[in-house]
Amino acid sequence: MYIGIVIGFIGLLLIGDHIGRKALMLLCLSSLTIGLAITIFCANLTIAGIGLSICAAGCGASYNVCFMFLS
């Protein structure tokens, strides 16, 4: 999960410079939703870990994007 947070923090924020704040927020929330769906419908523990990493990537990046919206 922590690897997903770091990837989301660095990767999605670098992409966000090019696509804008609104599109980045949609990308983060869709990543969060897809990760949660994978985790809910997983068949084994490995798939659940992958789903949680995807979910953490979206959550880690959206945490910082929210502060950009407030400023």
PDB file of N, CA and C in Angstrom:
ATOM      1  N   MET A   1       0.812  -1.186   0.000  1.00  0.00           N
ATOM      2  CA  MET A   1       0.000   0.000   0.000  1.00  0.00           C
ATOM      3  C   MET A   1       0.861   1.257   0.000  1.00  0.00           C
ATOM      4  N   TYR A   2       1.955   1.229   0.725  1.00  0.00           N
ATOM      5  CA  TYR A   2       2.796   2.423   0.788  1.00  0.00           C
ATOM      6  C   TYR A   2       3.468   2.714  -0.547  1.00  0.00           C
ATOM      7  N   ILE A   3       3.745   1.669  -1.310  1.00  0.00           N
ATOM      8  CA  ILE A   3       4.314   1.875  -2.635  1.00  0.00           C
ATOM      9  C   ILE A   3       3.297   2.575  -3.533  1.00  0.00           C
ATOM     10  N   GLY A   4       2.030   2.212  -3.405  1.00  0.00           N
ATOM     11  CA  GLY A   4       0.971   2.875  -4.166  1.00  0.00           C
ATOM     12  C   GLY A   4       0.830   4.335  -3.803  1.00  0.00           C
ATOM     13  N   ILE A   5       0.984   4.659  -2.535  1.00  0.00           N
ATOM     14  CA  ILE A   5       0.898   6.056  -2.104  1.00  0.00           C
ATOM     15  C   ILE A   5       2.025   6.878  -2.715  1.00  0.00           C
ATOM     16  N   VAL A   6       3.232   6.327  -2.716  1.00  0.00           N
ATOM     17  CA  VAL A   6       4.378   7.052  -3.279  1.00  0.00           C
ATOM     18  C   VAL A   6       4.215   7.221  -4.786  1.00  0.00           C
ATOM     19  N   ILE A   7       3.766   6.177  -5.466  1.00  0.00           N
ATOM     20  CA  ILE A   7       3.554   6.272  -6.912  1.00  0.00           C
ATOM     21  C   ILE A   7       2.471   7.298  -7.226  1.00  0.00           C
ATOM     22  N   GLY A   8       1.399   7.282  -6.465  1.00  0.00           N
ATOM     23  CA  GLY A   8       0.339   8.261  -6.679  1.00  0.00           C
ATOM     24  C   GLY A   8       0.777   9.672  -6.375  1.00  0.00           C
ATOM     25  N   PHE A   9       1.553   9.823  -5.315  1.00  0.00           N
ATOM     26  CA  PHE A   9       2.018  11.150  -4.915  1.00  0.00           C
ATOM     27  C   PHE A   9       2.922  11.758  -5.976  1.00  0.00           C
ATOM     28  N   ILE A  10       3.846  10.986  -6.485  1.00  0.00           N
ATOM     29  CA  ILE A  10       4.809  11.518  -7.444  1.00  0.00           C
ATOM     30  C   ILE A  10       4.269  11.460  -8.873  1.00  0.00           C
ATOM     31  N   GLY A  11       3.765  10.300  -9.266  1.00  0.00           N
ATOM     32  CA  GLY A  11       3.362  10.102 -10.663  1.00  0.00           C
ATOM     33  C   GLY A  11       2.170  10.919 -11.084  1.00  0.00           C
ATOM     34  N   LEU A  12       1.103  10.856 -10.307  1.00  0.00           N
ATOM     35  CA  LEU A  12      -0.107  11.564 -10.717  1.00  0.00           C
ATOM     36  C   LEU A  12       0.041  13.074 -10.605  1.00  0.00           C
ATOM     37  N   LEU A  13       0.845  13.550  -9.682  1.00  0.00           N
ATOM     38  CA  LEU A  13       1.044  14.993  -9.590  1.00  0.00           C
ATOM     39  C   LEU A  13       1.899  15.524 -10.739  1.00  0.00           C
ATOM     40  N   LEU A  14       2.828  14.716 -11.236  1.00  0.00           N
ATOM     41  CA  LEU A  14       3.592  15.134 -12.410  1.00  0.00           C
ATOM     42  C   LEU A  14       2.707  15.158 -13.654  1.00  0.00           C
ATOM     43  N   ILE A  15       1.790  14.208 -13.750  1.00  0.00           N
ATOM     44  CA  ILE A  15       0.837  14.199 -14.858  1.00  0.00           C
ATOM     45  C   ILE A  15      -0.124  15.388 -14.730  1.00  0.00           C
ATOM     46  N   GLY A  16      -0.440  15.763 -13.509  1.00  0.00           N
ATOM     47  CA  GLY A  16      -1.387  16.845 -13.268  1.00  0.00           C
ATOM     48  C   GLY A  16      -0.915  18.194 -13.759  1.00  0.00           C
ATOM     49  N   ASP A  17       0.390  18.385 -13.889  1.00  0.00           N
ATOM     50  CA  ASP A  17       0.890  19.649 -14.436  1.00  0.00           C
ATOM     51  C   ASP A  17       0.475  19.830 -15.888  1.00  0.00           C
ATOM     52  N   HIS A  18       0.273  18.729 -16.572  1.00  0.00           N
ATOM     53  CA  HIS A  18      -0.054  18.794 -18.000  1.00  0.00           C
ATOM     54  C   HIS A  18      -1.550  18.756 -18.276  1.00  0.00           C
ATOM     55  N   ILE A  19      -2.328  18.099 -17.422  1.00  0.00           N
ATOM     56  CA  ILE A  19      -3.745  17.927 -17.744  1.00  0.00           C
ATOM     57  C   ILE A  19      -4.663  18.863 -16.959  1.00  0.00           C
ATOM     58  N   GLY A  20      -4.171  19.495 -15.924  1.00  0.00           N
ATOM     59  CA  GLY A  20      -4.984  20.440 -15.171  1.00  0.00           C
ATOM     60  C   GLY A  20      -5.548  19.838 -13.891  1.00  0.00           C
ATOM     61  N   ARG A  21      -6.075  20.724 -13.041  1.00  0.00           N
ATOM     62  CA  ARG A  21      -6.548  20.299 -11.724  1.00  0.00           C
ATOM     63  C   ARG A  21      -7.825  19.476 -11.772  1.00  0.00           C
ATOM     64  N   LYS A  22      -8.775  19.910 -12.576  1.00  0.00           N
ATOM     65  CA  LYS A  22     -10.055  19.198 -12.619  1.00  0.00           C
ATOM     66  C   LYS A  22      -9.885  17.799 -13.192  1.00  0.00           C
ATOM     67  N   ALA A  23      -9.141  17.684 -14.263  1.00  0.00           N
ATOM     68  CA  ALA A  23      -8.905  16.371 -14.858  1.00  0.00           C
ATOM     69  C   ALA A  23      -8.091  15.483 -13.927  1.00  0.00           C
ATOM     70  N   LEU A  24      -7.150  16.075 -13.193  1.00  0.00           N
ATOM     71  CA  LEU A  24      -6.365  15.301 -12.242  1.00  0.00           C
ATOM     72  C   LEU A  24      -7.231  14.790 -11.103  1.00  0.00           C
ATOM     73  N   MET A  25      -8.150  15.604 -10.640  1.00  0.00           N
ATOM     74  CA  MET A  25      -9.042  15.160  -9.566  1.00  0.00           C
ATOM     75  C   MET A  25      -9.924  14.018 -10.050  1.00  0.00           C
ATOM     76  N   LEU A  26     -10.422  14.097 -11.278  1.00  0.00           N
ATOM     77  CA  LEU A  26     -11.208  12.993 -11.842  1.00  0.00           C
ATOM     78  C   LEU A  26     -10.362  11.739 -12.002  1.00  0.00           C
ATOM     79  N   LEU A  27      -9.112  11.898 -12.408  1.00  0.00           N
ATOM     80  CA  LEU A  27      -8.215  10.759 -12.549  1.00  0.00           C
ATOM     81  C   LEU A  27      -7.934  10.107 -11.205  1.00  0.00           C
ATOM     82  N   CYS A  28      -7.720  10.921 -10.170  1.00  0.00           N
ATOM     83  CA  CYS A  28      -7.466  10.386  -8.835  1.00  0.00           C
ATOM     84  C   CYS A  28      -8.693   9.659  -8.281  1.00  0.00           C
ATOM     85  N   LEU A  29      -9.853  10.258  -8.451  1.00  0.00           N
ATOM     86  CA  LEU A  29     -11.067   9.624  -7.937  1.00  0.00           C
ATOM     87  C   LEU A  29     -11.426   8.365  -8.713  1.00  0.00           C
ATOM     88  N   SER A  30     -11.149   8.345 -10.019  1.00  0.00           N
ATOM     89  CA  SER A  30     -11.410   7.122 -10.778  1.00  0.00           C
ATOM     90  C   SER A  30     -10.420   6.028 -10.394  1.00  0.00           C
ATOM     91  N   SER A  31      -9.172   6.384 -10.118  1.00  0.00           N
ATOM     92  CA  SER A  31      -8.202   5.410  -9.632  1.00  0.00           C
ATOM     93  C   SER A  31      -8.626   4.848  -8.276  1.00  0.00           C
ATOM     94  N   LEU A  32      -9.129   5.700  -7.432  1.00  0.00           N
ATOM     95  CA  LEU A  32      -9.620   5.269  -6.127  1.00  0.00           C
ATOM     96  C   LEU A  32     -10.804   4.329  -6.281  1.00  0.00           C
ATOM     97  N   THR A  33     -11.715   4.640  -7.174  1.00  0.00           N
ATOM     98  CA  THR A  33     -12.897   3.812  -7.397  1.00  0.00           C
ATOM     99  C   THR A  33     -12.535   2.459  -8.002  1.00  0.00           C
ATOM    100  N   ILE A  34     -11.637   2.459  -8.968  1.00  0.00           N
ATOM    101  CA  ILE A  34     -11.217   1.203  -9.591  1.00  0.00           C
ATOM    102  C   ILE A  34     -10.491   0.318  -8.578  1.00  0.00           C
ATOM    103  N   GLY A  35      -9.629   0.921  -7.772  1.00  0.00           N
ATOM    104  CA  GLY A  35      -8.933   0.152  -6.734  1.00  0.00           C
ATOM    105  C   GLY A  35      -9.883  -0.452  -5.710  1.00  0.00           C
ATOM    106  N   LEU A  36     -10.898   0.309  -5.320  1.00  0.00           N
ATOM    107  CA  LEU A  36     -11.885  -0.231  -4.385  1.00  0.00           C
ATOM    108  C   LEU A  36     -12.701  -1.351  -5.011  1.00  0.00           C
ATOM    109  N   ALA A  37     -13.046  -1.212  -6.283  1.00  0.00           N
ATOM    110  CA  ALA A  37     -13.803  -2.271  -6.960  1.00  0.00           C
ATOM    111  C   ALA A  37     -12.977  -3.539  -7.081  1.00  0.00           C
ATOM    112  N   ILE A  38     -11.706  -3.413  -7.393  1.00  0.00           N
ATOM    113  CA  ILE A  38     -10.836  -4.584  -7.456  1.00  0.00           C
ATOM    114  C   ILE A  38     -10.728  -5.244  -6.091  1.00  0.00           C
ATOM    115  N   THR A  39     -10.600  -4.444  -5.045  1.00  0.00           N
ATOM    116  CA  THR A  39     -10.485  -4.991  -3.695  1.00  0.00           C
ATOM    117  C   THR A  39     -11.771  -5.684  -3.255  1.00  0.00           C
ATOM    118  N   ILE A  40     -12.897  -5.126  -3.591  1.00  0.00           N
ATOM    119  CA  ILE A  40     -14.176  -5.723  -3.186  1.00  0.00           C
ATOM    120  C   ILE A  40     -14.402  -7.061  -3.874  1.00  0.00           C
ATOM    121  N   PHE A  41     -14.088  -7.137  -5.157  1.00  0.00           N
ATOM    122  CA  PHE A  41     -14.373  -8.347  -5.925  1.00  0.00           C
ATOM    123  C   PHE A  41     -13.151  -9.240  -6.125  1.00  0.00           C
ATOM    124  N   CYS A  42     -12.175  -9.164  -5.229  1.00  0.00           N
ATOM    125  CA  CYS A  42     -10.952  -9.951  -5.408  1.00  0.00           C
ATOM    126  C   CYS A  42     -11.197 -11.430  -5.079  1.00  0.00           C
ATOM    127  N   ALA A  43     -10.366 -12.269  -5.681  1.00  0.00           N
ATOM    128  CA  ALA A  43     -10.483 -13.709  -5.475  1.00  0.00           C
ATOM    129  C   ALA A  43      -9.433 -14.229  -4.496  1.00  0.00           C
ATOM    130  N   ASN A  44      -8.307 -13.518  -4.387  1.00  0.00           N
ATOM    131  CA  ASN A  44      -7.262 -13.951  -3.469  1.00  0.00           C
ATOM    132  C   ASN A  44      -6.556 -12.740  -2.864  1.00  0.00           C
ATOM    133  N   LEU A  45      -5.593 -13.006  -2.021  1.00  0.00           N
ATOM    134  CA  LEU A  45      -4.920 -11.943  -1.273  1.00  0.00           C
ATOM    135  C   LEU A  45      -4.013 -11.091  -2.164  1.00  0.00           C
ATOM    136  N   THR A  46      -3.441 -11.680  -3.189  1.00  0.00           N
ATOM    137  CA  THR A  46      -2.564 -10.933  -4.093  1.00  0.00           C
ATOM    138  C   THR A  46      -3.342  -9.870  -4.858  1.00  0.00           C
ATOM    139  N   ILE A  47      -4.497 -10.248  -5.361  1.00  0.00           N
ATOM    140  CA  ILE A  47      -5.344  -9.285  -6.085  1.00  0.00           C
ATOM    141  C   ILE A  47      -5.811  -8.187  -5.136  1.00  0.00           C
ATOM    142  N   ALA A  48      -6.102  -8.542  -3.895  1.00  0.00           N
ATOM    143  CA  ALA A  48      -6.516  -7.536  -2.912  1.00  0.00           C
ATOM    144  C   ALA A  48      -5.390  -6.539  -2.650  1.00  0.00           C
ATOM    145  N   GLY A  49      -4.162  -7.000  -2.598  1.00  0.00           N
ATOM    146  CA  GLY A  49      -3.018  -6.098  -2.419  1.00  0.00           C
ATOM    147  C   GLY A  49      -2.833  -5.160  -3.589  1.00  0.00           C
ATOM    148  N   ILE A  50      -3.041  -5.674  -4.791  1.00  0.00           N
ATOM    149  CA  ILE A  50      -2.947  -4.825  -5.987  1.00  0.00           C
ATOM    150  C   ILE A  50      -4.058  -3.778  -5.978  1.00  0.00           C
ATOM    151  N   GLY A  51      -5.257  -4.200  -5.626  1.00  0.00           N
ATOM    152  CA  GLY A  51      -6.374  -3.261  -5.549  1.00  0.00           C
ATOM    153  C   GLY A  51      -6.152  -2.183  -4.500  1.00  0.00           C
ATOM    154  N   LEU A  52      -5.606  -2.569  -3.356  1.00  0.00           N
ATOM    155  CA  LEU A  52      -5.328  -1.579  -2.308  1.00  0.00           C
ATOM    156  C   LEU A  52      -4.218  -0.626  -2.717  1.00  0.00           C
ATOM    157  N   SER A  53      -3.243  -1.106  -3.483  1.00  0.00           N
ATOM    158  CA  SER A  53      -2.183  -0.221  -3.967  1.00  0.00           C
ATOM    159  C   SER A  53      -2.724   0.798  -4.965  1.00  0.00           C
ATOM    160  N   ILE A  54      -3.605   0.363  -5.852  1.00  0.00           N
ATOM    161  CA  ILE A  54      -4.231   1.285  -6.806  1.00  0.00           C
ATOM    162  C   ILE A  54      -5.093   2.299  -6.054  1.00  0.00           C
ATOM    163  N   CYS A  55      -5.811   1.820  -5.065  1.00  0.00           N
ATOM    164  CA  CYS A  55      -6.653   2.703  -4.248  1.00  0.00           C
ATOM    165  C   CYS A  55      -5.797   3.724  -3.497  1.00  0.00           C
ATOM    166  N   ALA A  56      -4.677   3.278  -2.964  1.00  0.00           N
ATOM    167  CA  ALA A  56      -3.794   4.185  -2.234  1.00  0.00           C
ATOM    168  C   ALA A  56      -3.145   5.204  -3.155  1.00  0.00           C
ATOM    169  N   ALA A  57      -2.870   4.811  -4.403  1.00  0.00           N
ATOM    170  CA  ALA A  57      -2.294   5.762  -5.357  1.00  0.00           C
ATOM    171  C   ALA A  57      -3.267   6.904  -5.629  1.00  0.00           C
ATOM    172  N   GLY A  58      -4.533   6.579  -5.809  1.00  0.00           N
ATOM    173  CA  GLY A  58      -5.532   7.624  -6.032  1.00  0.00           C
ATOM    174  C   GLY A  58      -5.766   8.469  -4.802  1.00  0.00           C
ATOM    175  N   CYS A  59      -5.757   7.845  -3.655  1.00  0.00           N
ATOM    176  CA  CYS A  59      -5.999   8.565  -2.405  1.00  0.00           C
ATOM    177  C   CYS A  59      -4.816   9.472  -2.053  1.00  0.00           C
ATOM    178  N   GLY A  60      -3.612   8.994  -2.274  1.00  0.00           N
ATOM    179  CA  GLY A  60      -2.423   9.794  -1.971  1.00  0.00           C
ATOM    180  C   GLY A  60      -2.328  11.043  -2.817  1.00  0.00           C
ATOM    181  N   ALA A  61      -2.676  10.927  -4.074  1.00  0.00           N
ATOM    182  CA  ALA A  61      -2.612  12.090  -4.957  1.00  0.00           C
ATOM    183  C   ALA A  61      -3.784  13.035  -4.727  1.00  0.00           C
ATOM    184  N   SER A  62      -4.970  12.494  -4.473  1.00  0.00           N
ATOM    185  CA  SER A  62      -6.133  13.362  -4.292  1.00  0.00           C
ATOM    186  C   SER A  62      -6.042  14.160  -2.999  1.00  0.00           C
ATOM    187  N   TYR A  63      -5.316  13.658  -2.028  1.00  0.00           N
ATOM    188  CA  TYR A  63      -5.111  14.402  -0.788  1.00  0.00           C
ATOM    189  C   TYR A  63      -4.406  15.727  -1.071  1.00  0.00           C
ATOM    190  N   ASN A  64      -3.433  15.710  -1.971  1.00  0.00           N
ATOM    191  CA  ASN A  64      -2.703  16.938  -2.305  1.00  0.00           C
ATOM    192  C   ASN A  64      -3.465  17.815  -3.285  1.00  0.00           C
ATOM    193  N   VAL A  65      -4.228  17.218  -4.172  1.00  0.00           N
ATOM    194  CA  VAL A  65      -4.998  17.986  -5.144  1.00  0.00           C
ATOM    195  C   VAL A  65      -6.079  18.803  -4.447  1.00  0.00           C
ATOM    196  N   CYS A  66      -6.638  18.285  -3.385  1.00  0.00           N
ATOM    197  CA  CYS A  66      -7.673  19.022  -2.645  1.00  0.00           C
ATOM    198  C   CYS A  66      -7.137  20.335  -2.103  1.00  0.00           C
ATOM    199  N   PHE A  67      -5.875  20.347  -1.672  1.00  0.00           N
ATOM    200  CA  PHE A  67      -5.304  21.590  -1.174  1.00  0.00           C
ATOM    201  C   PHE A  67      -5.047  22.589  -2.305  1.00  0.00           C
ATOM    202  N   MET A  68      -4.784  22.081  -3.515  1.00  0.00           N
ATOM    203  CA  MET A  68      -4.637  22.995  -4.656  1.00  0.00           C
ATOM    204  C   MET A  68      -5.976  23.652  -4.996  1.00  0.00           C
ATOM    205  N   PHE A  69      -7.075  22.919  -4.832  1.00  0.00           N
ATOM    206  CA  PHE A  69      -8.380  23.497  -5.082  1.00  0.00           C
ATOM    207  C   PHE A  69      -8.721  24.573  -4.045  1.00  0.00           C
ATOM    208  N   LEU A  70      -8.292  24.373  -2.818  1.00  0.00           N
ATOM    209  CA  LEU A  70      -8.618  25.324  -1.763  1.00  0.00           C
ATOM    210  C   LEU A  70      -7.817  26.618  -1.881  1.00  0.00           C
ATOM    211  N   SER A  71      -6.634  26.544  -2.480  1.00  0.00           N
ATOM    212  CA  SER A  71      -5.812  27.756  -2.560  1.00  0.00           C
ATOM    213  C   SER A  71      -6.145  28.616  -3.750  1.00  0.00           C
TER     214      SER A  71
END
